[in-house]
Amino acid sequence: MTTDGDGVGVTLYDREGLIDAVILKHNRMLEKYNFEFEELDTRFSSYSQGIDDSKKKHEELLERIDVLKEKRQQLYHQAEMMLDKLTESGMQQKDVNTIRDNIAKAKLLSPVNEEKAIVDSIMSVLSIGETSESKLSIKSKIEEAVTSHEELRAASGLECGLIENQKLQEDELNKAKPRHSWLEKRIQSHKEALKYWDKLKGTDKEVITV
């Protein structure tokens, strides 16, 4: 390496000095890009893992919701199938019909508080007269159906949260993708350049740089 003496401060490199300078430049750029890439890649992986986890939880939750829906309907249906036993045990037909009509209404209600109001009226009718095994079984089925509905509403609330969380992570992932891809390409480009210059260093080939 030689330096001219005209006071301008221009450095002239010999062949080996030029190659060393170019290698140093690529190493500095690699260090800079690798630092940013590793930090971004960690976040990138975290977003990807979070999205996968959210999807898995969402699928499991949807299965649970289907189970609860089916369970609730089955419990009300089982209670309906037991109503004839109330007549056999001496309950008036009009009271049995009232319970049947209210069960039909409760099955279709979405707000849990409205369902509970209907169920309270069913329990009130069931409390008329003597307690029987049939009455206790019907009460148990209906109470379990209400519990299933409460779980169902809670699961639906969790589903909304999972969907929102997944969307936020997907948005962050999409923001990170362009820079992540650009850095990956730049790092690869500098690595290839370093290989070229390292190989050139041990030869007599002409050095051409921009």
N, C-alpha and C. Protein backbone atom coordinates (compact mmCIF):
# COMPACT_ATOMS: atom_id res chain seq x y z
N MET A 1 0.84 -1.19 0.00
CA MET A 1 0.00 0.00 0.00
C MET A 1 0.87 1.23 0.00
N THR A 2 0.55 2.24 -0.85
CA THR A 2 1.31 3.51 -0.90
C THR A 2 0.36 4.66 -0.78
N THR A 3 0.87 5.77 -0.22
CA THR A 3 0.04 6.98 -0.07
C THR A 3 0.73 8.12 -0.78
N ASP A 4 -0.02 8.87 -1.60
CA ASP A 4 0.61 9.98 -2.32
C ASP A 4 0.86 11.13 -1.38
N GLY A 5 1.72 12.02 -1.77
CA GLY A 5 2.12 13.12 -0.88
C GLY A 5 1.59 14.46 -1.30
N ASP A 6 0.48 14.54 -2.01
CA ASP A 6 -0.03 15.84 -2.46
C ASP A 6 -0.96 16.47 -1.44
N GLY A 7 -1.11 15.83 -0.25
CA GLY A 7 -1.92 16.45 0.80
C GLY A 7 -3.40 16.17 0.69
N VAL A 8 -3.82 15.47 -0.34
CA VAL A 8 -5.26 15.21 -0.53
C VAL A 8 -5.72 14.07 0.35
N GLY A 9 -4.82 13.18 0.79
CA GLY A 9 -5.16 12.07 1.67
C GLY A 9 -5.70 10.87 0.92
N VAL A 10 -5.35 10.73 -0.35
CA VAL A 10 -5.81 9.60 -1.14
C VAL A 10 -4.85 8.44 -0.93
N THR A 11 -5.43 7.25 -0.63
CA THR A 11 -4.62 6.06 -0.39
C THR A 11 -4.64 5.17 -1.62
N LEU A 12 -3.46 4.79 -2.08
CA LEU A 12 -3.35 3.88 -3.22
C LEU A 12 -2.92 2.51 -2.69
N TYR A 13 -3.63 1.47 -3.11
CA TYR A 13 -3.33 0.13 -2.65
C TYR A 13 -2.61 -0.66 -3.73
N ASP A 14 -1.70 -1.50 -3.26
CA ASP A 14 -1.16 -2.48 -4.19
C ASP A 14 -2.19 -3.61 -4.29
N ARG A 15 -1.88 -4.64 -5.08
CA ARG A 15 -2.86 -5.69 -5.36
C ARG A 15 -3.34 -6.36 -4.08
N GLU A 16 -2.43 -6.77 -3.21
CA GLU A 16 -2.79 -7.46 -1.98
C GLU A 16 -3.55 -6.54 -1.02
N GLY A 17 -3.10 -5.28 -1.00
CA GLY A 17 -3.76 -4.31 -0.12
C GLY A 17 -5.20 -4.06 -0.54
N LEU A 18 -5.41 -4.02 -1.87
CA LEU A 18 -6.76 -3.80 -2.40
C LEU A 18 -7.67 -4.97 -2.02
N ILE A 19 -7.16 -6.19 -2.19
CA ILE A 19 -7.95 -7.37 -1.87
C ILE A 19 -8.30 -7.38 -0.38
N ASP A 20 -7.30 -7.05 0.45
CA ASP A 20 -7.53 -7.01 1.90
C ASP A 20 -8.59 -5.98 2.26
N ALA A 21 -8.52 -4.83 1.58
CA ALA A 21 -9.49 -3.76 1.86
C ALA A 21 -10.90 -4.18 1.48
N VAL A 22 -11.02 -4.86 0.33
CA VAL A 22 -12.34 -5.32 -0.12
C VAL A 22 -12.87 -6.40 0.83
N ILE A 23 -12.01 -7.32 1.25
CA ILE A 23 -12.41 -8.37 2.20
C ILE A 23 -12.87 -7.75 3.51
N LEU A 24 -12.13 -6.75 3.98
CA LEU A 24 -12.50 -6.07 5.21
C LEU A 24 -13.88 -5.41 5.10
N LYS A 25 -14.10 -4.79 3.93
CA LYS A 25 -15.38 -4.13 3.69
C LYS A 25 -16.53 -5.14 3.75
N HIS A 26 -16.35 -6.29 3.08
CA HIS A 26 -17.41 -7.31 3.08
C HIS A 26 -17.63 -7.89 4.47
N ASN A 27 -16.55 -8.06 5.22
CA ASN A 27 -16.68 -8.58 6.59
C ASN A 27 -17.45 -7.62 7.49
N ARG A 28 -17.18 -6.32 7.31
CA ARG A 28 -17.90 -5.31 8.10
C ARG A 28 -19.39 -5.31 7.77
N MET A 29 -19.68 -5.41 6.47
CA MET A 29 -21.09 -5.43 6.05
C MET A 29 -21.78 -6.70 6.56
N LEU A 30 -21.04 -7.82 6.50
CA LEU A 30 -21.60 -9.08 6.99
C LEU A 30 -21.91 -8.98 8.48
N GLU A 31 -21.00 -8.41 9.24
CA GLU A 31 -21.21 -8.27 10.68
C GLU A 31 -22.45 -7.42 10.96
N LYS A 32 -22.57 -6.33 10.23
CA LYS A 32 -23.70 -5.43 10.40
C LYS A 32 -25.02 -6.11 10.05
N TYR A 33 -25.04 -6.76 8.88
CA TYR A 33 -26.28 -7.41 8.43
C TYR A 33 -26.63 -8.63 9.28
N ASN A 34 -25.61 -9.38 9.69
CA ASN A 34 -25.87 -10.57 10.53
C ASN A 34 -26.49 -10.18 11.86
N PHE A 35 -26.00 -9.09 12.43
CA PHE A 35 -26.55 -8.62 13.71
C PHE A 35 -28.03 -8.30 13.58
N GLU A 36 -28.37 -7.55 12.55
CA GLU A 36 -29.77 -7.18 12.34
C GLU A 36 -30.60 -8.40 11.98
N PHE A 37 -30.04 -9.27 11.13
CA PHE A 37 -30.78 -10.45 10.68
C PHE A 37 -31.10 -11.39 11.85
N GLU A 38 -30.13 -11.62 12.72
CA GLU A 38 -30.35 -12.53 13.86
C GLU A 38 -31.44 -12.01 14.78
N GLU A 39 -31.43 -10.69 15.00
CA GLU A 39 -32.46 -10.10 15.85
C GLU A 39 -33.83 -10.21 15.18
N LEU A 40 -33.88 -9.92 13.89
CA LEU A 40 -35.13 -9.99 13.15
C LEU A 40 -35.59 -11.43 12.98
N ASP A 41 -34.64 -12.33 12.78
CA ASP A 41 -34.98 -13.74 12.58
C ASP A 41 -35.59 -14.34 13.85
N THR A 42 -35.11 -13.87 15.01
CA THR A 42 -35.68 -14.34 16.28
C THR A 42 -37.15 -13.93 16.37
N ARG A 43 -37.41 -12.67 16.03
CA ARG A 43 -38.80 -12.20 16.05
C ARG A 43 -39.63 -12.91 14.99
N PHE A 44 -39.02 -13.11 13.82
CA PHE A 44 -39.68 -13.78 12.70
C PHE A 44 -40.11 -15.19 13.12
N SER A 45 -39.20 -15.91 13.77
CA SER A 45 -39.49 -17.27 14.23
C SER A 45 -40.56 -17.27 15.32
N SER A 46 -40.50 -16.25 16.18
CA SER A 46 -41.49 -16.14 17.26
C SER A 46 -42.88 -15.91 16.70
N TYR A 47 -42.99 -15.03 15.69
CA TYR A 47 -44.28 -14.78 15.06
C TYR A 47 -44.81 -16.05 14.38
N SER A 48 -43.94 -16.74 13.67
CA SER A 48 -44.33 -17.96 12.95
C SER A 48 -44.81 -19.03 13.94
N GLN A 49 -44.05 -19.19 15.04
CA GLN A 49 -44.43 -20.18 16.04
C GLN A 49 -45.75 -19.80 16.71
N GLY A 50 -45.89 -18.50 16.98
CA GLY A 50 -47.12 -18.02 17.61
C GLY A 50 -48.34 -18.26 16.73
N ILE A 51 -48.18 -18.05 15.43
CA ILE A 51 -49.28 -18.29 14.49
C ILE A 51 -49.64 -19.77 14.46
N ASP A 52 -48.62 -20.62 14.42
CA ASP A 52 -48.87 -22.08 14.42
C ASP A 52 -49.58 -22.51 15.69
N ASP A 53 -49.13 -21.96 16.82
CA ASP A 53 -49.76 -22.30 18.11
C ASP A 53 -51.22 -21.84 18.15
N SER A 54 -51.46 -20.62 17.64
CA SER A 54 -52.82 -20.08 17.62
C SER A 54 -53.74 -20.93 16.75
N LYS A 55 -53.21 -21.36 15.60
CA LYS A 55 -54.01 -22.21 14.70
C LYS A 55 -54.37 -23.54 15.37
N LYS A 56 -53.37 -24.12 16.05
CA LYS A 56 -53.60 -25.40 16.72
C LYS A 56 -54.64 -25.25 17.83
N LYS A 57 -54.48 -24.19 18.65
CA LYS A 57 -55.42 -23.94 19.74
C LYS A 57 -56.82 -23.66 19.19
N HIS A 58 -56.86 -22.95 18.06
CA HIS A 58 -58.15 -22.62 17.45
C HIS A 58 -58.86 -23.90 16.99
N GLU A 59 -58.11 -24.80 16.37
CA GLU A 59 -58.69 -26.06 15.91
C GLU A 59 -59.22 -26.88 17.09
N GLU A 60 -58.42 -26.93 18.16
CA GLU A 60 -58.84 -27.67 19.35
C GLU A 60 -60.08 -27.04 19.97
N LEU A 61 -60.11 -25.70 19.96
CA LEU A 61 -61.25 -24.98 20.54
C LEU A 61 -62.51 -25.21 19.71
N LEU A 62 -62.38 -25.22 18.38
CA LEU A 62 -63.52 -25.47 17.52
C LEU A 62 -64.09 -26.87 17.76
N GLU A 63 -63.20 -27.83 17.97
CA GLU A 63 -63.65 -29.19 18.29
C GLU A 63 -64.42 -29.20 19.61
N ARG A 64 -63.88 -28.47 20.60
CA ARG A 64 -64.54 -28.39 21.90
C ARG A 64 -65.91 -27.71 21.78
N ILE A 65 -66.00 -26.67 20.96
CA ILE A 65 -67.27 -25.97 20.76
C ILE A 65 -68.30 -26.91 20.14
N ASP A 66 -67.89 -27.69 19.15
CA ASP A 66 -68.79 -28.65 18.52
C ASP A 66 -69.29 -29.68 19.53
N VAL A 67 -68.36 -30.15 20.38
CA VAL A 67 -68.73 -31.13 21.40
C VAL A 67 -69.75 -30.55 22.37
N LEU A 68 -69.53 -29.31 22.80
CA LEU A 68 -70.44 -28.66 23.75
C LEU A 68 -71.81 -28.40 23.14
N LYS A 69 -71.82 -28.01 21.88
CA LYS A 69 -73.11 -27.79 21.19
C LYS A 69 -73.92 -29.08 21.15
N GLU A 70 -73.24 -30.15 20.74
CA GLU A 70 -73.90 -31.45 20.64
C GLU A 70 -74.34 -31.95 22.02
N LYS A 71 -73.47 -31.76 23.01
CA LYS A 71 -73.78 -32.21 24.37
C LYS A 71 -75.02 -31.49 24.90
N ARG A 72 -75.09 -30.19 24.70
CA ARG A 72 -76.23 -29.39 25.19
C ARG A 72 -77.54 -29.87 24.59
N GLN A 73 -77.52 -30.09 23.27
CA GLN A 73 -78.74 -30.55 22.60
C GLN A 73 -79.14 -31.95 23.07
N GLN A 74 -78.16 -32.81 23.26
CA GLN A 74 -78.45 -34.18 23.72
C GLN A 74 -79.06 -34.18 25.11
N LEU A 75 -78.54 -33.33 25.99
CA LEU A 75 -79.05 -33.27 27.36
C LEU A 75 -80.51 -32.80 27.39
N TYR A 76 -80.81 -31.78 26.59
CA TYR A 76 -82.20 -31.32 26.52
C TYR A 76 -83.09 -32.41 25.91
N HIS A 77 -82.58 -33.09 24.91
CA HIS A 77 -83.35 -34.17 24.27
C HIS A 77 -83.61 -35.30 25.27
N GLN A 78 -82.60 -35.65 26.05
CA GLN A 78 -82.76 -36.70 27.06
C GLN A 78 -83.79 -36.29 28.10
N ALA A 79 -83.78 -35.01 28.47
CA ALA A 79 -84.78 -34.52 29.44
C ALA A 79 -86.18 -34.61 28.85
N GLU A 80 -86.31 -34.26 27.56
CA GLU A 80 -87.62 -34.36 26.89
C GLU A 80 -88.13 -35.79 26.87
N MET A 81 -87.23 -36.73 26.62
CA MET A 81 -87.61 -38.14 26.53
C MET A 81 -88.10 -38.69 27.88
N MET A 82 -87.78 -38.02 28.95
CA MET A 82 -88.16 -38.48 30.29
C MET A 82 -89.45 -37.84 30.78
N LEU A 83 -90.01 -36.90 30.01
CA LEU A 83 -91.18 -36.16 30.48
C LEU A 83 -92.42 -37.04 30.66
N ASP A 84 -92.56 -38.06 29.82
CA ASP A 84 -93.74 -38.93 29.93
C ASP A 84 -93.80 -39.62 31.29
N LYS A 85 -92.64 -39.84 31.89
CA LYS A 85 -92.60 -40.49 33.20
C LYS A 85 -93.23 -39.61 34.28
N LEU A 86 -93.22 -38.26 34.01
CA LEU A 86 -93.83 -37.35 34.98
C LEU A 86 -95.34 -37.56 35.03
N THR A 87 -95.94 -37.79 33.87
CA THR A 87 -97.38 -38.05 33.82
C THR A 87 -97.71 -39.35 34.55
N GLU A 88 -96.83 -40.32 34.33
CA GLU A 88 -97.04 -41.62 34.98
C GLU A 88 -96.95 -41.51 36.50
N SER A 89 -96.15 -40.56 36.96
CA SER A 89 -95.98 -40.40 38.41
C SER A 89 -97.02 -39.46 39.01
N GLY A 90 -97.98 -39.00 38.19
CA GLY A 90 -99.08 -38.21 38.73
C GLY A 90 -99.08 -36.74 38.40
N MET A 91 -98.09 -36.20 37.68
CA MET A 91 -98.08 -34.77 37.34
C MET A 91 -99.13 -34.51 36.28
N GLN A 92 -99.79 -33.37 36.39
CA GLN A 92 -100.83 -33.02 35.42
C GLN A 92 -100.22 -32.81 34.03
N GLN A 93 -100.97 -33.19 33.01
CA GLN A 93 -100.49 -33.10 31.64
C GLN A 93 -100.16 -31.67 31.23
N LYS A 94 -100.98 -30.72 31.72
CA LYS A 94 -100.73 -29.31 31.37
C LYS A 94 -99.37 -28.85 31.90
N ASP A 95 -98.99 -29.32 33.07
CA ASP A 95 -97.68 -28.96 33.63
C ASP A 95 -96.55 -29.61 32.83
N VAL A 96 -96.78 -30.85 32.42
CA VAL A 96 -95.78 -31.54 31.59
C VAL A 96 -95.62 -30.82 30.26
N ASN A 97 -96.74 -30.39 29.69
CA ASN A 97 -96.70 -29.66 28.41
C ASN A 97 -95.96 -28.33 28.57
N THR A 98 -96.15 -27.67 29.71
CA THR A 98 -95.45 -26.40 29.99
C THR A 98 -93.94 -26.63 30.02
N ILE A 99 -93.53 -27.71 30.70
CA ILE A 99 -92.11 -28.03 30.76
C ILE A 99 -91.57 -28.33 29.37
N ARG A 100 -92.34 -29.12 28.60
CA ARG A 100 -91.90 -29.47 27.24
C ARG A 100 -91.72 -28.22 26.37
N ASP A 101 -92.69 -27.31 26.45
CA ASP A 101 -92.62 -26.07 25.65
C ASP A 101 -91.42 -25.22 26.07
N ASN A 102 -91.17 -25.16 27.38
CA ASN A 102 -90.05 -24.35 27.88
C ASN A 102 -88.69 -24.96 27.52
N ILE A 103 -88.62 -26.28 27.51
CA ILE A 103 -87.38 -26.93 27.08
C ILE A 103 -87.10 -26.60 25.62
N ALA A 104 -88.14 -26.63 24.80
CA ALA A 104 -87.99 -26.29 23.38
C ALA A 104 -87.49 -24.86 23.21
N LYS A 105 -88.00 -23.95 24.05
CA LYS A 105 -87.56 -22.56 23.99
C LYS A 105 -86.10 -22.43 24.45
N ALA A 106 -85.78 -23.10 25.55
CA ALA A 106 -84.42 -23.01 26.12
C ALA A 106 -83.37 -23.51 25.14
N LYS A 107 -83.70 -24.57 24.40
CA LYS A 107 -82.76 -25.15 23.43
C LYS A 107 -82.35 -24.14 22.36
N LEU A 108 -83.25 -23.22 22.03
CA LEU A 108 -83.01 -22.27 20.93
C LEU A 108 -82.40 -20.95 21.38
N LEU A 109 -82.35 -20.72 22.70
CA LEU A 109 -81.87 -19.43 23.21
C LEU A 109 -80.36 -19.33 23.17
N SER A 110 -79.87 -18.14 22.72
CA SER A 110 -78.43 -17.91 22.69
C SER A 110 -77.91 -17.26 23.97
N PRO A 111 -78.54 -16.16 24.46
CA PRO A 111 -78.04 -15.56 25.71
C PRO A 111 -78.28 -16.51 26.89
N VAL A 112 -77.25 -16.77 27.66
CA VAL A 112 -77.35 -17.71 28.78
C VAL A 112 -78.34 -17.21 29.83
N ASN A 113 -78.36 -15.89 30.06
CA ASN A 113 -79.27 -15.36 31.09
C ASN A 113 -80.73 -15.60 30.73
N GLU A 114 -81.08 -15.53 29.43
CA GLU A 114 -82.45 -15.79 29.00
C GLU A 114 -82.78 -17.27 29.16
N GLU A 115 -81.80 -18.11 28.83
CA GLU A 115 -81.98 -19.55 29.00
C GLU A 115 -82.23 -19.87 30.47
N LYS A 116 -81.46 -19.24 31.36
CA LYS A 116 -81.60 -19.51 32.80
C LYS A 116 -82.99 -19.10 33.30
N ALA A 117 -83.53 -18.02 32.76
CA ALA A 117 -84.87 -17.57 33.17
C ALA A 117 -85.92 -18.62 32.80
N ILE A 118 -85.79 -19.19 31.60
CA ILE A 118 -86.71 -20.25 31.18
C ILE A 118 -86.52 -21.49 32.05
N VAL A 119 -85.26 -21.83 32.32
CA VAL A 119 -84.95 -23.01 33.14
C VAL A 119 -85.51 -22.84 34.55
N ASP A 120 -85.45 -21.62 35.10
CA ASP A 120 -86.01 -21.37 36.43
C ASP A 120 -87.50 -21.69 36.47
N SER A 121 -88.20 -21.34 35.39
CA SER A 121 -89.64 -21.62 35.34
C SER A 121 -89.89 -23.13 35.24
N ILE A 122 -88.98 -23.84 34.53
CA ILE A 122 -89.10 -25.30 34.44
C ILE A 122 -88.91 -25.92 35.82
N MET A 123 -87.90 -25.45 36.53
CA MET A 123 -87.61 -25.98 37.86
C MET A 123 -88.76 -25.69 38.83
N SER A 124 -89.40 -24.55 38.62
CA SER A 124 -90.53 -24.19 39.47
C SER A 124 -91.68 -25.18 39.30
N VAL A 125 -91.95 -25.53 38.06
CA VAL A 125 -93.02 -26.51 37.79
C VAL A 125 -92.64 -27.88 38.33
N LEU A 126 -91.36 -28.24 38.15
CA LEU A 126 -90.89 -29.55 38.62
C LEU A 126 -90.95 -29.68 40.15
N SER A 127 -90.93 -28.54 40.83
CA SER A 127 -90.95 -28.56 42.30
C SER A 127 -92.35 -28.80 42.86
N ILE A 128 -93.37 -28.76 41.96
CA ILE A 128 -94.75 -29.00 42.40
C ILE A 128 -94.92 -30.48 42.76
N GLY A 129 -95.52 -30.72 43.90
CA GLY A 129 -95.80 -32.10 44.29
C GLY A 129 -94.58 -32.78 44.90
N GLU A 130 -94.65 -34.08 44.95
CA GLU A 130 -93.59 -34.86 45.58
C GLU A 130 -92.37 -34.99 44.67
N THR A 131 -91.22 -35.09 45.31
CA THR A 131 -89.97 -35.30 44.57
C THR A 131 -89.92 -36.75 44.09
N SER A 132 -89.50 -36.93 42.84
CA SER A 132 -89.38 -38.28 42.29
C SER A 132 -88.03 -38.42 41.59
N GLU A 133 -87.66 -39.66 41.32
CA GLU A 133 -86.39 -39.91 40.62
C GLU A 133 -86.40 -39.29 39.23
N SER A 134 -87.56 -39.33 38.57
CA SER A 134 -87.70 -38.76 37.22
C SER A 134 -87.48 -37.24 37.26
N LYS A 135 -88.07 -36.60 38.26
CA LYS A 135 -87.91 -35.15 38.40
C LYS A 135 -86.43 -34.79 38.62
N LEU A 136 -85.79 -35.54 39.51
CA LEU A 136 -84.39 -35.27 39.81
C LEU A 136 -83.51 -35.48 38.57
N SER A 137 -83.80 -36.51 37.80
CA SER A 137 -83.02 -36.79 36.58
C SER A 137 -83.20 -35.68 35.55
N ILE A 138 -84.46 -35.24 35.38
CA ILE A 138 -84.73 -34.16 34.42
C ILE A 138 -84.03 -32.87 34.85
N LYS A 139 -84.13 -32.55 36.15
CA LYS A 139 -83.44 -31.37 36.67
C LYS A 139 -81.94 -31.44 36.40
N SER A 140 -81.36 -32.62 36.65
CA SER A 140 -79.93 -32.81 36.47
C SER A 140 -79.53 -32.60 35.01
N LYS A 141 -80.30 -33.15 34.07
CA LYS A 141 -80.01 -33.02 32.64
C LYS A 141 -80.08 -31.55 32.22
N ILE A 142 -81.11 -30.85 32.70
CA ILE A 142 -81.30 -29.45 32.31
C ILE A 142 -80.20 -28.56 32.90
N GLU A 143 -79.85 -28.80 34.16
CA GLU A 143 -78.77 -28.02 34.79
C GLU A 143 -77.44 -28.23 34.07
N GLU A 144 -77.19 -29.48 33.66
CA GLU A 144 -75.96 -29.79 32.93
C GLU A 144 -75.96 -29.13 31.55
N ALA A 145 -77.15 -29.04 30.95
CA ALA A 145 -77.27 -28.38 29.65
C ALA A 145 -76.94 -26.89 29.77
N VAL A 146 -77.41 -26.27 30.85
CA VAL A 146 -77.10 -24.85 31.08
C VAL A 146 -75.60 -24.66 31.30
N THR A 147 -74.99 -25.56 32.06
CA THR A 147 -73.53 -25.50 32.29
C THR A 147 -72.77 -25.63 30.97
N SER A 148 -73.23 -26.54 30.11
CA SER A 148 -72.60 -26.71 28.79
C SER A 148 -72.71 -25.44 27.97
N HIS A 149 -73.87 -24.76 28.10
CA HIS A 149 -74.07 -23.50 27.37
C HIS A 149 -73.12 -22.42 27.88
N GLU A 150 -72.91 -22.38 29.19
CA GLU A 150 -71.98 -21.40 29.77
C GLU A 150 -70.57 -21.66 29.27
N GLU A 151 -70.17 -22.93 29.24
CA GLU A 151 -68.85 -23.29 28.72
C GLU A 151 -68.74 -22.92 27.25
N LEU A 152 -69.83 -23.13 26.53
CA LEU A 152 -69.85 -22.82 25.10
C LEU A 152 -69.65 -21.33 24.85
N ARG A 153 -70.32 -20.50 25.63
CA ARG A 153 -70.18 -19.05 25.46
C ARG A 153 -68.76 -18.61 25.82
N ALA A 154 -68.19 -19.22 26.87
CA ALA A 154 -66.81 -18.89 27.27
C ALA A 154 -65.83 -19.29 26.17
N ALA A 155 -66.06 -20.47 25.58
CA ALA A 155 -65.18 -20.95 24.50
C ALA A 155 -65.29 -20.05 23.28
N SER A 156 -66.47 -19.55 23.00
CA SER A 156 -66.66 -18.64 21.86
C SER A 156 -65.89 -17.34 22.09
N GLY A 157 -65.87 -16.88 23.35
CA GLY A 157 -65.10 -15.69 23.69
C GLY A 157 -63.61 -15.92 23.50
N LEU A 158 -63.12 -17.10 23.89
CA LEU A 158 -61.71 -17.45 23.69
C LEU A 158 -61.37 -17.51 22.21
N GLU A 159 -62.32 -18.00 21.42
CA GLU A 159 -62.09 -18.11 19.98
C GLU A 159 -61.84 -16.74 19.37
N CYS A 160 -62.63 -15.75 19.77
CA CYS A 160 -62.45 -14.38 19.25
C CYS A 160 -61.06 -13.86 19.61
N GLY A 161 -60.61 -14.14 20.84
CA GLY A 161 -59.29 -13.70 21.27
C GLY A 161 -58.17 -14.37 20.48
N LEU A 162 -58.33 -15.66 20.19
CA LEU A 162 -57.33 -16.39 19.41
C LEU A 162 -57.24 -15.85 17.99
N ILE A 163 -58.39 -15.58 17.40
CA ILE A 163 -58.43 -15.06 16.03
C ILE A 163 -57.75 -13.69 15.97
N GLU A 164 -58.05 -12.84 16.96
CA GLU A 164 -57.45 -11.49 17.00
C GLU A 164 -55.94 -11.57 17.19
N ASN A 165 -55.50 -12.46 18.11
CA ASN A 165 -54.07 -12.62 18.37
C ASN A 165 -53.34 -13.15 17.14
N GLN A 166 -53.95 -14.10 16.45
CA GLN A 166 -53.33 -14.66 15.24
C GLN A 166 -53.20 -13.59 14.16
N LYS A 167 -54.22 -12.76 14.03
CA LYS A 167 -54.19 -11.69 13.01
C LYS A 167 -53.07 -10.69 13.32
N LEU A 168 -52.91 -10.33 14.60
CA LEU A 168 -51.85 -9.39 14.99
C LEU A 168 -50.47 -9.95 14.65
N GLN A 169 -50.27 -11.23 14.94
CA GLN A 169 -48.97 -11.85 14.67
C GLN A 169 -48.73 -12.00 13.16
N GLU A 170 -49.79 -12.27 12.41
CA GLU A 170 -49.65 -12.36 10.96
C GLU A 170 -49.29 -10.99 10.37
N ASP A 171 -49.88 -9.93 10.93
CA ASP A 171 -49.56 -8.57 10.47
C ASP A 171 -48.09 -8.25 10.74
N GLU A 172 -47.61 -8.61 11.94
CA GLU A 172 -46.21 -8.35 12.29
C GLU A 172 -45.28 -9.18 11.40
N LEU A 173 -45.67 -10.42 11.12
CA LEU A 173 -44.86 -11.29 10.27
C LEU A 173 -44.76 -10.71 8.87
N ASN A 174 -45.88 -10.23 8.35
CA ASN A 174 -45.89 -9.64 7.00
C ASN A 174 -45.05 -8.37 6.92
N LYS A 175 -45.02 -7.62 8.02
CA LYS A 175 -44.18 -6.41 8.06
C LYS A 175 -42.70 -6.79 8.04
N ALA A 176 -42.37 -7.87 8.74
CA ALA A 176 -40.96 -8.28 8.87
C ALA A 176 -40.43 -9.00 7.63
N LYS A 177 -41.31 -9.60 6.86
CA LYS A 177 -40.89 -10.44 5.73
C LYS A 177 -39.99 -9.73 4.72
N PRO A 178 -40.36 -8.53 4.22
CA PRO A 178 -39.51 -7.89 3.19
C PRO A 178 -38.08 -7.64 3.67
N ARG A 179 -37.94 -7.09 4.88
CA ARG A 179 -36.59 -6.80 5.41
C ARG A 179 -35.85 -8.10 5.68
N HIS A 180 -36.53 -9.08 6.21
CA HIS A 180 -35.93 -10.39 6.50
C HIS A 180 -35.38 -11.01 5.22
N SER A 181 -36.17 -10.95 4.16
CA SER A 181 -35.77 -11.52 2.87
C SER A 181 -34.59 -10.74 2.28
N TRP A 182 -34.66 -9.42 2.38
CA TRP A 182 -33.60 -8.56 1.83
C TRP A 182 -32.28 -8.84 2.54
N LEU A 183 -32.32 -8.90 3.87
CA LEU A 183 -31.10 -9.16 4.63
C LEU A 183 -30.52 -10.53 4.30
N GLU A 184 -31.38 -11.51 4.15
CA GLU A 184 -30.94 -12.86 3.82
C GLU A 184 -30.17 -12.88 2.50
N LYS A 185 -30.71 -12.15 1.52
CA LYS A 185 -30.05 -12.08 0.21
C LYS A 185 -28.73 -11.31 0.28
N ARG A 186 -28.71 -10.22 1.04
CA ARG A 186 -27.49 -9.42 1.16
C ARG A 186 -26.38 -10.22 1.85
N ILE A 187 -26.76 -10.95 2.89
CA ILE A 187 -25.78 -11.77 3.61
C ILE A 187 -25.20 -12.83 2.69
N GLN A 188 -26.06 -13.47 1.93
CA GLN A 188 -25.60 -14.49 0.99
C GLN A 188 -24.68 -13.89 -0.06
N SER A 189 -25.03 -12.69 -0.53
CA SER A 189 -24.24 -12.00 -1.54
C SER A 189 -22.83 -11.67 -1.01
N HIS A 190 -22.75 -11.17 0.22
CA HIS A 190 -21.46 -10.83 0.81
C HIS A 190 -20.62 -12.09 1.09
N LYS A 191 -21.27 -13.18 1.48
CA LYS A 191 -20.55 -14.44 1.70
C LYS A 191 -19.92 -14.95 0.40
N GLU A 192 -20.70 -14.86 -0.67
CA GLU A 192 -20.19 -15.29 -1.98
C GLU A 192 -19.04 -14.40 -2.43
N ALA A 193 -19.18 -13.09 -2.17
CA ALA A 193 -18.11 -12.15 -2.53
C ALA A 193 -16.83 -12.46 -1.75
N LEU A 194 -16.98 -12.78 -0.47
CA LEU A 194 -15.81 -13.10 0.35
C LEU A 194 -15.10 -14.35 -0.17
N LYS A 195 -15.87 -15.34 -0.58
CA LYS A 195 -15.28 -16.55 -1.15
C LYS A 195 -14.46 -16.21 -2.40
N TYR A 196 -15.05 -15.35 -3.20
CA TYR A 196 -14.39 -14.94 -4.44
C TYR A 196 -13.07 -14.24 -4.14
N TRP A 197 -13.10 -13.26 -3.22
CA TRP A 197 -11.91 -12.47 -2.94
C TRP A 197 -10.85 -13.29 -2.19
N ASP A 198 -11.30 -14.18 -1.31
CA ASP A 198 -10.34 -15.05 -0.62
C ASP A 198 -9.62 -15.97 -1.60
N LYS A 199 -10.37 -16.45 -2.57
CA LYS A 199 -9.79 -17.34 -3.59
C LYS A 199 -8.84 -16.55 -4.50
N LEU A 200 -9.23 -15.32 -4.81
CA LEU A 200 -8.44 -14.47 -5.70
C LEU A 200 -7.12 -14.07 -5.05
N LYS A 201 -7.14 -14.01 -3.70
CA LYS A 201 -5.96 -13.55 -2.98
C LYS A 201 -4.74 -14.45 -3.23
N GLY A 202 -4.96 -15.71 -3.45
CA GLY A 202 -3.85 -16.62 -3.65
C GLY A 202 -3.48 -16.85 -5.10
N THR A 203 -3.98 -16.00 -5.99
CA THR A 203 -3.69 -16.15 -7.42
C THR A 203 -3.05 -14.89 -7.97
N ASP A 204 -2.73 -14.93 -9.27
CA ASP A 204 -2.16 -13.75 -9.92
C ASP A 204 -3.17 -13.09 -10.85
N LYS A 205 -4.43 -13.45 -10.70
CA LYS A 205 -5.44 -12.87 -11.59
C LYS A 205 -5.55 -11.37 -11.36
N GLU A 206 -5.96 -10.70 -12.44
CA GLU A 206 -6.12 -9.25 -12.38
C GLU A 206 -7.27 -8.89 -11.44
N VAL A 207 -7.08 -7.88 -10.60
CA VAL A 207 -8.09 -7.45 -9.67
C VAL A 207 -8.93 -6.35 -10.31
N ILE A 208 -10.22 -6.59 -10.42
CA ILE A 208 -11.14 -5.59 -10.97
C ILE A 208 -12.19 -5.31 -9.92
N THR A 209 -12.28 -4.10 -9.43
CA THR A 209 -13.28 -3.74 -8.43
C THR A 209 -13.93 -2.42 -8.80
N VAL A 210 -15.11 -2.24 -8.25
CA VAL A 210 -15.84 -1.01 -8.56
C VAL A 210 -15.70 -0.02 -7.42
